[in-house]
Amino acid sequence: MNKSSAFQSMDPLFKRVEELDRIQRIAICVVTCIALIGAIFYFSILPKYEEIKQQKQTLQSLGTQLDIARKKAARLASLQREWKMKEAEFRKVMRALPEKKEIPSLLTSISQSGQDTGLEFLLFQPQAEVNKDFYGEIPVSLKLTGNFHNTVMFFDKVTGLNRIVNIRNIQMSGYKEGKISTTCTAVTYKFIEKKDPASGKK
């Protein structure tokens, strides 16, 4: 069907519209415009509106996820800093609690501290190890002679070692010719590695 025949077929409709009064023609125009606007809105604008609405929801969801990710990242950085601090503290404690293989050198350091301060060792005898929870105590019975000042210097040098060494049960006696006899117990410590009973691993 060509355009001329299409218009001819609509002639009766046009004639009927022409027969209507002005108010009726205006009403038809208004209804037609409303219908056209409604069609444009429904088929063109409404889908875009729904798409924009979905995009906003997606954007809001991504923003929430981003905030959560930022909080986790900040928490991770804080945990990493805390881990490094704890690791440094652990290394410091481990330096203070030597393993069994380092005990002989530590005992040598104690003995050398006495000799450096001019003391004479009459007894230097490691005793039986006393196991605690995660560490063991290694007491060493000492008997030494020297002047009071040098004895105090020895105690100071021993307690100032990198490893933990405590001096216990100090007894001084026999002051003679500027020298005194001192008996005491130097207690050092070692780290005990526990094993998993199931796997046997440390």
N, C-alpha and C. Protein backbone atom coordinates (compact mmCIF):
# COMPACT_ATOMS: atom_id res chain seq x y z
N MET A 1 0.86 -1.19 0.00
CA MET A 1 0.00 0.00 0.00
C MET A 1 0.90 1.23 0.00
N ASN A 2 0.67 2.15 -1.00
CA ASN A 2 1.46 3.37 -1.06
C ASN A 2 0.86 4.43 -0.15
N LYS A 3 1.55 5.57 -0.07
CA LYS A 3 1.14 6.62 0.85
C LYS A 3 -0.21 7.22 0.48
N SER A 4 -0.43 7.42 -0.85
CA SER A 4 -1.68 8.05 -1.28
C SER A 4 -2.89 7.18 -0.92
N SER A 5 -2.74 5.87 -1.10
CA SER A 5 -3.86 4.98 -0.77
C SER A 5 -4.08 4.94 0.72
N ALA A 6 -2.97 5.07 1.53
CA ALA A 6 -3.11 5.06 2.98
C ALA A 6 -3.87 6.29 3.44
N PHE A 7 -3.53 7.44 2.87
CA PHE A 7 -4.25 8.66 3.25
C PHE A 7 -5.72 8.60 2.82
N GLN A 8 -5.96 7.99 1.62
CA GLN A 8 -7.34 7.88 1.14
C GLN A 8 -8.19 7.02 2.07
N SER A 9 -7.55 5.96 2.60
CA SER A 9 -8.30 5.08 3.50
C SER A 9 -8.65 5.78 4.80
N MET A 10 -7.87 6.83 5.15
CA MET A 10 -8.11 7.56 6.39
C MET A 10 -9.02 8.78 6.16
N ASP A 11 -9.44 9.02 4.92
CA ASP A 11 -10.31 10.16 4.64
C ASP A 11 -11.59 10.15 5.47
N PRO A 12 -12.26 9.02 5.58
CA PRO A 12 -13.48 9.02 6.39
C PRO A 12 -13.22 9.45 7.83
N LEU A 13 -12.05 9.04 8.35
CA LEU A 13 -11.72 9.42 9.73
C LEU A 13 -11.53 10.92 9.83
N PHE A 14 -10.81 11.47 8.84
CA PHE A 14 -10.58 12.92 8.85
C PHE A 14 -11.90 13.69 8.73
N LYS A 15 -12.78 13.18 7.88
CA LYS A 15 -14.06 13.85 7.69
C LYS A 15 -14.89 13.83 8.97
N ARG A 16 -14.83 12.69 9.70
CA ARG A 16 -15.57 12.60 10.95
C ARG A 16 -15.00 13.58 11.98
N VAL A 17 -13.65 13.72 11.98
CA VAL A 17 -13.02 14.68 12.91
C VAL A 17 -13.44 16.09 12.56
N GLU A 18 -13.52 16.40 11.23
CA GLU A 18 -13.90 17.75 10.80
C GLU A 18 -15.34 18.08 11.21
N GLU A 19 -16.16 17.03 11.33
CA GLU A 19 -17.54 17.25 11.70
C GLU A 19 -17.72 17.56 13.18
N LEU A 20 -16.66 17.24 13.96
CA LEU A 20 -16.73 17.50 15.40
C LEU A 20 -16.57 18.98 15.68
N ASP A 21 -17.05 19.40 16.85
CA ASP A 21 -16.86 20.80 17.20
C ASP A 21 -15.42 21.04 17.68
N ARG A 22 -15.15 22.29 17.95
CA ARG A 22 -13.76 22.68 18.29
C ARG A 22 -13.27 22.01 19.58
N ILE A 23 -14.12 21.97 20.57
CA ILE A 23 -13.73 21.40 21.87
C ILE A 23 -13.38 19.92 21.72
N GLN A 24 -14.19 19.23 20.92
CA GLN A 24 -13.93 17.81 20.73
C GLN A 24 -12.62 17.57 19.99
N ARG A 25 -12.35 18.45 18.97
CA ARG A 25 -11.09 18.30 18.23
C ARG A 25 -9.89 18.56 19.14
N ILE A 26 -10.05 19.58 19.99
CA ILE A 26 -8.95 19.87 20.94
C ILE A 26 -8.74 18.69 21.89
N ALA A 27 -9.83 18.09 22.34
CA ALA A 27 -9.72 16.95 23.26
C ALA A 27 -9.01 15.80 22.58
N ILE A 28 -9.36 15.55 21.29
CA ILE A 28 -8.69 14.48 20.55
C ILE A 28 -7.20 14.76 20.42
N CYS A 29 -6.86 16.02 20.14
CA CYS A 29 -5.43 16.39 20.01
C CYS A 29 -4.68 16.17 21.33
N VAL A 30 -5.34 16.56 22.42
CA VAL A 30 -4.71 16.40 23.74
C VAL A 30 -4.49 14.93 24.05
N VAL A 31 -5.54 14.13 23.81
CA VAL A 31 -5.44 12.68 24.08
C VAL A 31 -4.34 12.07 23.21
N THR A 32 -4.29 12.49 21.95
CA THR A 32 -3.27 11.96 21.04
C THR A 32 -1.86 12.32 21.52
N CYS A 33 -1.71 13.57 21.95
CA CYS A 33 -0.39 14.02 22.45
C CYS A 33 0.01 13.24 23.70
N ILE A 34 -1.00 13.07 24.58
CA ILE A 34 -0.71 12.32 25.81
C ILE A 34 -0.30 10.89 25.48
N ALA A 35 -1.01 10.29 24.52
CA ALA A 35 -0.68 8.92 24.12
C ALA A 35 0.73 8.85 23.53
N LEU A 36 1.08 9.83 22.69
CA LEU A 36 2.42 9.84 22.10
C LEU A 36 3.50 10.02 23.17
N ILE A 37 3.23 10.98 24.08
CA ILE A 37 4.20 11.21 25.17
C ILE A 37 4.34 9.96 26.03
N GLY A 38 3.19 9.33 26.33
CA GLY A 38 3.24 8.11 27.14
C GLY A 38 4.02 7.01 26.45
N ALA A 39 3.81 6.87 25.13
CA ALA A 39 4.55 5.85 24.38
C ALA A 39 6.05 6.13 24.39
N ILE A 40 6.39 7.41 24.15
CA ILE A 40 7.82 7.77 24.17
C ILE A 40 8.43 7.49 25.55
N PHE A 41 7.68 7.85 26.61
CA PHE A 41 8.18 7.64 27.97
C PHE A 41 8.35 6.15 28.26
N TYR A 42 7.35 5.35 27.86
CA TYR A 42 7.36 3.93 28.19
C TYR A 42 8.44 3.19 27.41
N PHE A 43 8.57 3.49 26.13
CA PHE A 43 9.49 2.72 25.29
C PHE A 43 10.91 3.30 25.24
N SER A 44 11.07 4.57 25.61
CA SER A 44 12.39 5.20 25.48
C SER A 44 12.95 5.67 26.82
N ILE A 45 12.17 6.48 27.52
CA ILE A 45 12.69 7.09 28.75
C ILE A 45 12.70 6.11 29.91
N LEU A 46 11.61 5.34 30.07
CA LEU A 46 11.51 4.42 31.21
C LEU A 46 12.65 3.39 31.24
N PRO A 47 13.00 2.75 30.11
CA PRO A 47 14.14 1.81 30.16
C PRO A 47 15.44 2.48 30.59
N LYS A 48 15.65 3.73 30.10
CA LYS A 48 16.86 4.46 30.50
C LYS A 48 16.84 4.75 32.00
N TYR A 49 15.66 5.10 32.50
CA TYR A 49 15.51 5.38 33.94
C TYR A 49 15.84 4.14 34.76
N GLU A 50 15.30 2.97 34.33
CA GLU A 50 15.59 1.73 35.04
C GLU A 50 17.07 1.40 34.99
N GLU A 51 17.68 1.64 33.82
CA GLU A 51 19.11 1.37 33.68
C GLU A 51 19.94 2.28 34.61
N ILE A 52 19.54 3.57 34.65
CA ILE A 52 20.23 4.52 35.53
C ILE A 52 20.06 4.10 36.99
N LYS A 53 18.85 3.64 37.34
CA LYS A 53 18.57 3.20 38.70
C LYS A 53 19.45 2.01 39.07
N GLN A 54 19.56 1.05 38.15
CA GLN A 54 20.42 -0.12 38.40
C GLN A 54 21.89 0.29 38.52
N GLN A 55 22.30 1.22 37.68
CA GLN A 55 23.69 1.70 37.74
C GLN A 55 23.98 2.38 39.07
N LYS A 56 23.00 3.14 39.57
CA LYS A 56 23.17 3.80 40.87
C LYS A 56 23.29 2.76 41.98
N GLN A 57 22.44 1.72 41.92
CA GLN A 57 22.51 0.66 42.92
C GLN A 57 23.85 -0.06 42.86
N THR A 58 24.31 -0.32 41.64
CA THR A 58 25.61 -0.97 41.48
C THR A 58 26.72 -0.09 42.02
N LEU A 59 26.64 1.21 41.71
CA LEU A 59 27.65 2.15 42.19
C LEU A 59 27.66 2.21 43.72
N GLN A 60 26.46 2.22 44.31
CA GLN A 60 26.35 2.24 45.77
C GLN A 60 26.93 0.97 46.38
N SER A 61 26.65 -0.18 45.75
CA SER A 61 27.18 -1.45 46.24
C SER A 61 28.71 -1.47 46.14
N LEU A 62 29.24 -0.97 45.01
CA LEU A 62 30.70 -0.92 44.85
C LEU A 62 31.33 0.02 45.86
N GLY A 63 30.63 1.15 46.14
CA GLY A 63 31.14 2.08 47.15
C GLY A 63 31.20 1.43 48.52
N THR A 64 30.17 0.66 48.86
CA THR A 64 30.17 -0.05 50.15
C THR A 64 31.30 -1.07 50.21
N GLN A 65 31.48 -1.83 49.12
CA GLN A 65 32.56 -2.81 49.07
C GLN A 65 33.92 -2.13 49.17
N LEU A 66 34.03 -0.96 48.54
CA LEU A 66 35.30 -0.22 48.59
C LEU A 66 35.59 0.24 50.02
N ASP A 67 34.56 0.72 50.72
CA ASP A 67 34.74 1.13 52.12
C ASP A 67 35.18 -0.04 52.99
N ILE A 68 34.54 -1.19 52.77
CA ILE A 68 34.91 -2.39 53.53
C ILE A 68 36.36 -2.78 53.22
N ALA A 69 36.73 -2.72 51.93
CA ALA A 69 38.09 -3.07 51.53
C ALA A 69 39.11 -2.11 52.15
N ARG A 70 38.75 -0.82 52.19
CA ARG A 70 39.66 0.16 52.80
C ARG A 70 39.85 -0.10 54.29
N LYS A 71 38.74 -0.44 54.98
CA LYS A 71 38.83 -0.74 56.40
C LYS A 71 39.68 -1.98 56.64
N LYS A 72 39.49 -2.98 55.78
CA LYS A 72 40.30 -4.20 55.91
C LYS A 72 41.77 -3.90 55.64
N ALA A 73 42.03 -3.05 54.63
CA ALA A 73 43.42 -2.70 54.31
C ALA A 73 44.07 -1.97 55.47
N ALA A 74 43.32 -1.04 56.08
CA ALA A 74 43.85 -0.31 57.24
C ALA A 74 44.10 -1.28 58.40
N ARG A 75 43.17 -2.21 58.60
CA ARG A 75 43.33 -3.20 59.65
C ARG A 75 44.52 -4.10 59.38
N LEU A 76 44.71 -4.46 58.09
CA LEU A 76 45.84 -5.30 57.72
C LEU A 76 47.16 -4.60 58.01
N ALA A 77 47.23 -3.31 57.66
CA ALA A 77 48.46 -2.55 57.93
C ALA A 77 48.73 -2.51 59.43
N SER A 78 47.67 -2.31 60.22
CA SER A 78 47.83 -2.29 61.67
C SER A 78 48.30 -3.64 62.20
N LEU A 79 47.73 -4.72 61.66
CA LEU A 79 48.13 -6.06 62.09
C LEU A 79 49.57 -6.36 61.68
N GLN A 80 49.96 -5.87 60.49
CA GLN A 80 51.34 -6.08 60.06
C GLN A 80 52.33 -5.36 60.97
N ARG A 81 51.98 -4.12 61.37
CA ARG A 81 52.84 -3.39 62.29
C ARG A 81 52.91 -4.11 63.65
N GLU A 82 51.74 -4.58 64.11
CA GLU A 82 51.71 -5.30 65.39
C GLU A 82 52.52 -6.58 65.30
N TRP A 83 52.42 -7.27 64.16
CA TRP A 83 53.18 -8.52 63.97
C TRP A 83 54.68 -8.24 64.02
N LYS A 84 55.12 -7.16 63.36
CA LYS A 84 56.54 -6.83 63.36
C LYS A 84 57.02 -6.50 64.78
N MET A 85 56.18 -5.78 65.56
CA MET A 85 56.54 -5.47 66.93
C MET A 85 56.66 -6.73 67.76
N LYS A 86 55.68 -7.65 67.61
CA LYS A 86 55.71 -8.90 68.36
C LYS A 86 56.90 -9.76 67.94
N GLU A 87 57.20 -9.71 66.64
CA GLU A 87 58.34 -10.48 66.15
C GLU A 87 59.64 -9.95 66.73
N ALA A 88 59.77 -8.62 66.81
CA ALA A 88 60.96 -8.01 67.39
C ALA A 88 61.06 -8.37 68.88
N GLU A 89 59.92 -8.33 69.59
CA GLU A 89 59.92 -8.71 71.00
C GLU A 89 60.31 -10.18 71.16
N PHE A 90 59.81 -11.03 70.26
CA PHE A 90 60.14 -12.45 70.33
C PHE A 90 61.63 -12.67 70.12
N ARG A 91 62.20 -11.96 69.11
CA ARG A 91 63.65 -12.11 68.87
C ARG A 91 64.45 -11.63 70.08
N LYS A 92 63.96 -10.56 70.73
CA LYS A 92 64.65 -10.06 71.91
C LYS A 92 64.61 -11.08 73.04
N VAL A 93 63.43 -11.70 73.23
CA VAL A 93 63.31 -12.73 74.26
C VAL A 93 64.16 -13.93 73.93
N MET A 94 64.18 -14.30 72.64
CA MET A 94 64.99 -15.45 72.23
C MET A 94 66.48 -15.21 72.44
N ARG A 95 66.89 -13.95 72.30
CA ARG A 95 68.30 -13.65 72.58
C ARG A 95 68.59 -13.80 74.07
N ALA A 96 67.57 -13.50 74.89
CA ALA A 96 67.74 -13.62 76.33
C ALA A 96 67.60 -15.06 76.81
N LEU A 97 66.92 -15.90 76.02
CA LEU A 97 66.76 -17.31 76.36
C LEU A 97 67.47 -18.15 75.31
N PRO A 98 68.73 -18.47 75.51
CA PRO A 98 69.48 -19.22 74.50
C PRO A 98 69.01 -20.67 74.43
N GLU A 99 69.31 -21.29 73.31
CA GLU A 99 69.07 -22.71 73.18
C GLU A 99 70.20 -23.48 73.86
N LYS A 100 70.01 -24.78 73.98
CA LYS A 100 70.95 -25.62 74.73
C LYS A 100 72.37 -25.52 74.18
N LYS A 101 72.50 -25.43 72.86
CA LYS A 101 73.83 -25.40 72.25
C LYS A 101 74.60 -24.14 72.61
N GLU A 102 73.90 -23.08 73.05
CA GLU A 102 74.57 -21.83 73.38
C GLU A 102 74.93 -21.74 74.87
N ILE A 103 74.50 -22.68 75.68
CA ILE A 103 74.74 -22.63 77.11
C ILE A 103 76.24 -22.66 77.45
N PRO A 104 77.05 -23.54 76.84
CA PRO A 104 78.48 -23.55 77.19
C PRO A 104 79.16 -22.19 76.99
N SER A 105 78.84 -21.52 75.87
CA SER A 105 79.45 -20.21 75.64
C SER A 105 78.97 -19.19 76.67
N LEU A 106 77.70 -19.31 77.10
CA LEU A 106 77.18 -18.41 78.12
C LEU A 106 77.90 -18.63 79.44
N LEU A 107 78.12 -19.88 79.83
CA LEU A 107 78.85 -20.19 81.06
C LEU A 107 80.28 -19.67 80.98
N THR A 108 80.86 -19.77 79.79
CA THR A 108 82.22 -19.23 79.60
C THR A 108 82.21 -17.72 79.79
N SER A 109 81.14 -17.04 79.32
CA SER A 109 81.04 -15.59 79.50
C SER A 109 80.95 -15.23 80.98
N ILE A 110 80.22 -16.03 81.76
CA ILE A 110 80.12 -15.77 83.20
C ILE A 110 81.49 -15.92 83.85
N SER A 111 82.18 -17.00 83.50
CA SER A 111 83.50 -17.22 84.07
C SER A 111 84.47 -16.11 83.67
N GLN A 112 84.39 -15.70 82.41
CA GLN A 112 85.30 -14.65 81.92
C GLN A 112 85.02 -13.32 82.62
N SER A 113 83.75 -13.06 82.94
CA SER A 113 83.40 -11.83 83.65
C SER A 113 84.07 -11.79 85.02
N GLY A 114 84.13 -12.93 85.69
CA GLY A 114 84.81 -12.99 86.99
C GLY A 114 86.30 -12.76 86.87
N GLN A 115 86.89 -13.37 85.88
CA GLN A 115 88.34 -13.20 85.69
C GLN A 115 88.68 -11.76 85.30
N ASP A 116 87.81 -11.14 84.48
CA ASP A 116 88.07 -9.75 84.06
C ASP A 116 88.04 -8.78 85.24
N THR A 117 87.27 -9.11 86.26
CA THR A 117 87.19 -8.23 87.43
C THR A 117 88.20 -8.61 88.51
N GLY A 118 89.09 -9.55 88.21
CA GLY A 118 90.16 -9.90 89.15
C GLY A 118 89.75 -10.87 90.25
N LEU A 119 88.66 -11.61 90.05
CA LEU A 119 88.23 -12.57 91.05
C LEU A 119 88.84 -13.93 90.77
N GLU A 120 88.94 -14.71 91.82
CA GLU A 120 89.47 -16.06 91.70
C GLU A 120 88.34 -17.05 91.99
N PHE A 121 88.11 -17.95 91.04
CA PHE A 121 87.05 -18.94 91.21
C PHE A 121 87.58 -20.14 91.97
N LEU A 122 86.93 -20.44 93.07
CA LEU A 122 87.24 -21.65 93.82
C LEU A 122 86.28 -22.78 93.45
N LEU A 123 85.10 -22.41 92.92
CA LEU A 123 84.11 -23.41 92.50
C LEU A 123 83.27 -22.82 91.37
N PHE A 124 83.10 -23.59 90.35
CA PHE A 124 82.24 -23.22 89.22
C PHE A 124 81.59 -24.52 88.75
N GLN A 125 80.42 -24.81 89.27
CA GLN A 125 79.81 -26.13 89.06
C GLN A 125 78.35 -26.01 88.62
N PRO A 126 78.07 -26.29 87.32
CA PRO A 126 76.67 -26.31 86.85
C PRO A 126 75.89 -27.42 87.55
N GLN A 127 74.66 -27.11 87.93
CA GLN A 127 73.80 -28.07 88.61
C GLN A 127 72.77 -28.64 87.63
N ALA A 128 71.93 -29.53 88.15
CA ALA A 128 70.91 -30.16 87.31
C ALA A 128 69.91 -29.11 86.81
N GLU A 129 69.52 -29.28 85.56
CA GLU A 129 68.56 -28.34 84.95
C GLU A 129 67.17 -28.52 85.57
N VAL A 130 66.48 -27.39 85.76
CA VAL A 130 65.12 -27.40 86.31
C VAL A 130 64.18 -26.93 85.20
N ASN A 131 63.35 -27.84 84.74
CA ASN A 131 62.44 -27.50 83.64
C ASN A 131 61.18 -26.80 84.16
N LYS A 132 60.82 -25.69 83.50
CA LYS A 132 59.59 -24.96 83.80
C LYS A 132 58.61 -25.20 82.65
N ASP A 133 57.87 -24.17 82.26
CA ASP A 133 56.88 -24.34 81.20
C ASP A 133 57.55 -24.36 79.83
N PHE A 134 58.01 -23.20 79.37
CA PHE A 134 58.65 -23.13 78.07
C PHE A 134 60.14 -22.82 78.18
N TYR A 135 60.66 -22.85 79.38
CA TYR A 135 62.08 -22.59 79.57
C TYR A 135 62.62 -23.50 80.68
N GLY A 136 63.95 -23.58 80.73
CA GLY A 136 64.60 -24.37 81.77
C GLY A 136 65.59 -23.51 82.53
N GLU A 137 65.68 -23.73 83.82
CA GLU A 137 66.66 -23.02 84.66
C GLU A 137 67.93 -23.87 84.77
N ILE A 138 69.05 -23.21 84.58
CA ILE A 138 70.34 -23.89 84.71
C ILE A 138 71.13 -23.19 85.81
N PRO A 139 71.09 -23.71 87.05
CA PRO A 139 71.83 -23.09 88.14
C PRO A 139 73.31 -23.48 88.11
N VAL A 140 74.14 -22.55 88.49
CA VAL A 140 75.58 -22.78 88.56
C VAL A 140 76.05 -22.34 89.94
N SER A 141 76.59 -23.28 90.71
CA SER A 141 77.13 -22.96 92.04
C SER A 141 78.48 -22.29 91.88
N LEU A 142 78.64 -21.13 92.53
CA LEU A 142 79.88 -20.37 92.44
C LEU A 142 80.47 -20.15 93.82
N LYS A 143 81.78 -20.23 93.88
CA LYS A 143 82.50 -19.79 95.07
C LYS A 143 83.73 -19.05 94.57
N LEU A 144 83.82 -17.81 94.99
CA LEU A 144 84.92 -16.99 94.47
C LEU A 144 85.45 -16.11 95.58
N THR A 145 86.64 -15.61 95.33
CA THR A 145 87.29 -14.75 96.32
C THR A 145 87.87 -13.53 95.63
N GLY A 146 87.82 -12.40 96.33
CA GLY A 146 88.32 -11.14 95.79
C GLY A 146 87.82 -10.01 96.67
N ASN A 147 88.22 -8.79 96.35
CA ASN A 147 87.75 -7.69 97.19
C ASN A 147 86.28 -7.37 96.89
N PHE A 148 85.70 -6.61 97.79
CA PHE A 148 84.27 -6.35 97.70
C PHE A 148 83.90 -5.61 96.42
N HIS A 149 84.71 -4.63 96.05
CA HIS A 149 84.42 -3.83 94.86
C HIS A 149 84.41 -4.69 93.61
N ASN A 150 85.41 -5.57 93.47
CA ASN A 150 85.49 -6.44 92.30
C ASN A 150 84.32 -7.44 92.27
N THR A 151 83.91 -7.87 93.46
CA THR A 151 82.78 -8.80 93.52
C THR A 151 81.50 -8.13 93.02
N VAL A 152 81.29 -6.90 93.48
CA VAL A 152 80.11 -6.17 93.02
C VAL A 152 80.19 -5.92 91.50
N MET A 153 81.37 -5.60 91.01
CA MET A 153 81.55 -5.39 89.57
C MET A 153 81.22 -6.67 88.79
N PHE A 154 81.60 -7.82 89.36
CA PHE A 154 81.30 -9.10 88.70
C PHE A 154 79.79 -9.31 88.61
N PHE A 155 79.10 -9.07 89.71
CA PHE A 155 77.65 -9.23 89.68
C PHE A 155 77.01 -8.31 88.63
N ASP A 156 77.52 -7.10 88.55
CA ASP A 156 76.98 -6.13 87.60
C ASP A 156 77.24 -6.57 86.16
N LYS A 157 78.43 -7.10 85.88
CA LYS A 157 78.77 -7.55 84.53
C LYS A 157 77.91 -8.76 84.13
N VAL A 158 77.69 -9.64 85.10
CA VAL A 158 76.92 -10.85 84.79
C VAL A 158 75.46 -10.49 84.49
N THR A 159 74.88 -9.65 85.32
CA THR A 159 73.48 -9.27 85.09
C THR A 159 73.32 -8.37 83.86
N GLY A 160 74.43 -7.81 83.37
CA GLY A 160 74.38 -6.98 82.17
C GLY A 160 74.62 -7.73 80.88
N LEU A 161 74.81 -9.06 80.96
CA LEU A 161 75.00 -9.84 79.74
C LEU A 161 73.73 -9.83 78.89
N ASN A 162 73.90 -10.15 77.59
CA ASN A 162 72.74 -10.19 76.69
C ASN A 162 71.75 -11.26 77.09
N ARG A 163 72.25 -12.31 77.73
CA ARG A 163 71.37 -13.39 78.20
C ARG A 163 70.93 -13.11 79.63
N ILE A 164 69.81 -13.72 79.99
CA ILE A 164 69.30 -13.53 81.35
C ILE A 164 70.10 -14.37 82.32
N VAL A 165 70.68 -13.72 83.30
CA VAL A 165 71.41 -14.40 84.37
C VAL A 165 71.06 -13.72 85.68
N ASN A 166 70.54 -14.48 86.60
CA ASN A 166 70.21 -13.96 87.93
C ASN A 166 71.18 -14.54 88.96
N ILE A 167 71.57 -13.71 89.91
CA ILE A 167 72.44 -14.15 91.01
C ILE A 167 71.57 -14.35 92.24
N ARG A 168 71.63 -15.55 92.83
CA ARG A 168 70.81 -15.86 93.98
C ARG A 168 71.69 -16.36 95.14
N ASN A 169 71.08 -16.35 96.30
CA ASN A 169 71.69 -16.95 97.51
C ASN A 169 73.12 -16.46 97.74
N ILE A 170 73.30 -15.14 97.76
CA ILE A 170 74.64 -14.58 97.95
C ILE A 170 75.00 -14.63 99.43
N GLN A 171 76.16 -15.17 99.70
CA GLN A 171 76.70 -15.22 101.08
C GLN A 171 78.17 -14.80 101.03
N MET A 172 78.51 -13.79 101.84
CA MET A 172 79.89 -13.29 101.90
C MET A 172 80.44 -13.53 103.30
N SER A 173 81.67 -13.97 103.33
CA SER A 173 82.28 -14.27 104.63
C SER A 173 83.80 -14.27 104.50
N GLY A 174 84.47 -14.39 105.64
CA GLY A 174 85.93 -14.59 105.66
C GLY A 174 86.72 -13.41 105.13
N TYR A 175 86.41 -12.21 105.62
CA TYR A 175 87.19 -11.05 105.19
C TYR A 175 88.63 -11.19 105.70
N LYS A 176 89.57 -11.17 104.76
CA LYS A 176 90.97 -11.34 105.14
C LYS A 176 91.86 -10.69 104.09
N GLU A 177 92.74 -9.81 104.55
CA GLU A 177 93.68 -9.12 103.67
C GLU A 177 92.96 -8.43 102.51
N GLY A 178 91.85 -7.78 102.83
CA GLY A 178 91.11 -7.02 101.83
C GLY A 178 90.27 -7.88 100.90
N LYS A 179 90.22 -9.17 101.14
CA LYS A 179 89.45 -10.06 100.28
C LYS A 179 88.35 -10.74 101.08
N ILE A 180 87.28 -11.10 100.36
CA ILE A 180 86.19 -11.83 100.98
C ILE A 180 85.86 -13.05 100.12
N SER A 181 85.34 -14.07 100.78
CA SER A 181 84.87 -15.26 100.07
C SER A 181 83.37 -15.12 99.84
N THR A 182 82.93 -15.41 98.62
CA THR A 182 81.52 -15.27 98.25
C THR A 182 81.03 -16.58 97.65
N THR A 183 79.93 -17.05 98.16
CA THR A 183 79.25 -18.19 97.55
C THR A 183 77.88 -17.70 97.05
N CYS A 184 77.51 -18.16 95.90
CA CYS A 184 76.23 -17.75 95.32
C CYS A 184 75.83 -18.75 94.23
N THR A 185 74.68 -18.53 93.69
CA THR A 185 74.19 -19.36 92.58
C THR A 185 73.81 -18.45 91.44
N ALA A 186 74.48 -18.65 90.31
CA ALA A 186 74.12 -17.92 89.09
C ALA A 186 73.13 -18.78 88.31
N VAL A 187 71.96 -18.24 88.07
CA VAL A 187 70.92 -19.01 87.37
C VAL A 187 70.72 -18.40 85.98
N THR A 188 70.97 -19.22 84.98
CA THR A 188 70.70 -18.81 83.61
C THR A 188 69.55 -19.67 83.08
N TYR A 189 69.08 -19.33 81.90
CA TYR A 189 67.87 -19.96 81.39
C TYR A 189 68.07 -20.37 79.93
N LYS A 190 67.32 -21.36 79.53
CA LYS A 190 67.34 -21.77 78.12
C LYS A 190 65.90 -21.96 77.64
N PHE A 191 65.73 -21.79 76.35
CA PHE A 191 64.41 -21.94 75.74
C PHE A 191 64.16 -23.41 75.44
N ILE A 192 62.97 -23.89 75.77
CA ILE A 192 62.59 -25.28 75.52
C ILE A 192 61.55 -25.30 74.40
N GLU A 193 61.89 -25.92 73.29
CA GLU A 193 60.94 -26.05 72.19
C GLU A 193 60.04 -27.25 72.44
N LYS A 194 58.74 -26.99 72.40
CA LYS A 194 57.78 -28.07 72.59
C LYS A 194 57.46 -28.71 71.24
N LYS A 195 57.14 -30.00 71.29
CA LYS A 195 56.77 -30.72 70.08
C LYS A 195 55.29 -31.07 70.12
N ASP A 196 54.71 -31.10 68.92
CA ASP A 196 53.30 -31.51 68.80
C ASP A 196 53.24 -33.01 69.02
N PRO A 197 52.50 -33.48 70.04
CA PRO A 197 52.46 -34.93 70.30
C PRO A 197 51.95 -35.72 69.11
N ALA A 198 51.07 -35.14 68.29
CA ALA A 198 50.49 -35.88 67.18
C ALA A 198 51.48 -36.05 66.03
N SER A 199 52.14 -34.94 65.68
CA SER A 199 53.04 -34.97 64.52
C SER A 199 54.49 -35.15 64.90
N GLY A 200 54.83 -34.84 66.15
CA GLY A 200 56.23 -34.93 66.55
C GLY A 200 57.06 -33.76 66.08
N LYS A 201 56.40 -32.74 65.47
CA LYS A 201 57.13 -31.57 64.98
C LYS A 201 57.27 -30.56 66.10
N LYS A 202 58.31 -29.71 65.98
CA LYS A 202 58.52 -28.65 66.97
C LYS A 202 57.48 -27.58 66.79
